[in-house]
Amino acid sequence: MCETLRELMKEDFEKQERETKKETLLEAIQNLMETMKCSADQTMEALKIPDADKGKYIAKL
């Protein structure tokens, strides 16, 4: 039982960590767009965000 609980906690922590990284990256995109006067596409190219992920961030901008 302890092992199962440990695994669930690990999965929850990893999910939270991924969400935090996404939020931080979104904030970086917004900041660069504002301070450098770049488009969303230019900013994401500079940050080397994979094409497959760009739509997710554009939807949140």
Protein backbone atom coordinates (compact mmCIF):
# COMPACT_ATOMS: atom_id res chain seq x y z
CA MET A 1 0.00 0.00 0.00
CA CYS A 2 2.81 2.44 0.81
CA GLU A 3 4.37 1.80 -2.59
CA THR A 4 1.06 2.56 -4.34
CA LEU A 5 0.67 5.79 -2.40
CA ARG A 6 4.25 6.74 -3.16
CA GLU A 7 3.67 6.13 -6.88
CA LEU A 8 0.49 8.23 -6.86
CA MET A 9 2.28 11.07 -5.09
CA LYS A 10 5.14 10.87 -7.58
CA GLU A 11 2.73 11.05 -10.53
CA ASP A 12 0.94 14.01 -8.97
CA PHE A 13 4.22 15.81 -8.34
CA GLU A 14 5.40 15.20 -11.92
CA LYS A 15 2.10 16.46 -13.33
CA GLN A 16 2.33 19.61 -11.20
CA GLU A 17 5.92 20.11 -12.30
CA ARG A 18 4.93 19.90 -16.00
CA GLU A 19 2.13 22.42 -15.45
CA THR A 20 4.49 24.80 -13.67
CA LYS A 21 6.97 24.57 -16.55
CA LYS A 22 4.21 25.32 -19.06
CA GLU A 23 3.06 28.35 -17.05
CA THR A 24 6.62 29.63 -16.76
CA LEU A 25 7.21 29.22 -20.48
CA LEU A 26 3.95 31.01 -21.28
CA GLU A 27 5.02 33.89 -19.05
CA ALA A 28 8.41 34.00 -20.79
CA ILE A 29 6.70 34.15 -24.19
CA GLN A 30 4.48 37.00 -23.03
CA ASN A 31 7.39 38.91 -21.53
CA LEU A 32 9.54 38.58 -24.64
CA MET A 33 6.68 39.61 -26.88
CA GLU A 34 6.17 42.72 -24.79
CA THR A 35 9.76 43.79 -24.17
CA MET A 36 11.27 42.80 -27.52
CA LYS A 37 8.20 43.68 -29.59
CA CYS A 38 8.26 40.24 -31.24
CA SER A 39 5.36 38.27 -32.62
CA ALA A 40 4.29 35.08 -30.91
CA ASP A 41 5.82 33.03 -33.72
CA GLN A 42 9.15 34.88 -33.54
CA THR A 43 9.27 34.47 -29.79
CA MET A 44 8.51 30.76 -29.89
CA GLU A 45 11.13 30.25 -32.62
CA ALA A 46 13.70 32.03 -30.43
CA LEU A 47 12.77 29.81 -27.49
CA LYS A 48 12.93 26.72 -29.73
CA ILE A 49 9.42 25.60 -28.86
CA PRO A 50 8.48 22.59 -30.99
CA ASP A 51 5.93 23.27 -33.75
CA ALA A 52 3.63 20.67 -32.22
CA ASP A 53 3.39 22.71 -29.00
CA LYS A 54 3.01 26.20 -30.47
CA GLY A 55 -0.76 25.99 -30.89
CA LYS A 56 -1.20 25.27 -27.19
CA TYR A 57 0.64 28.44 -26.24
CA ILE A 58 -1.00 30.62 -28.90
CA ALA A 59 -4.40 29.58 -27.56
CA LYS A 60 -3.40 30.83 -24.10
CA LEU A 61 -1.94 34.18 -25.19
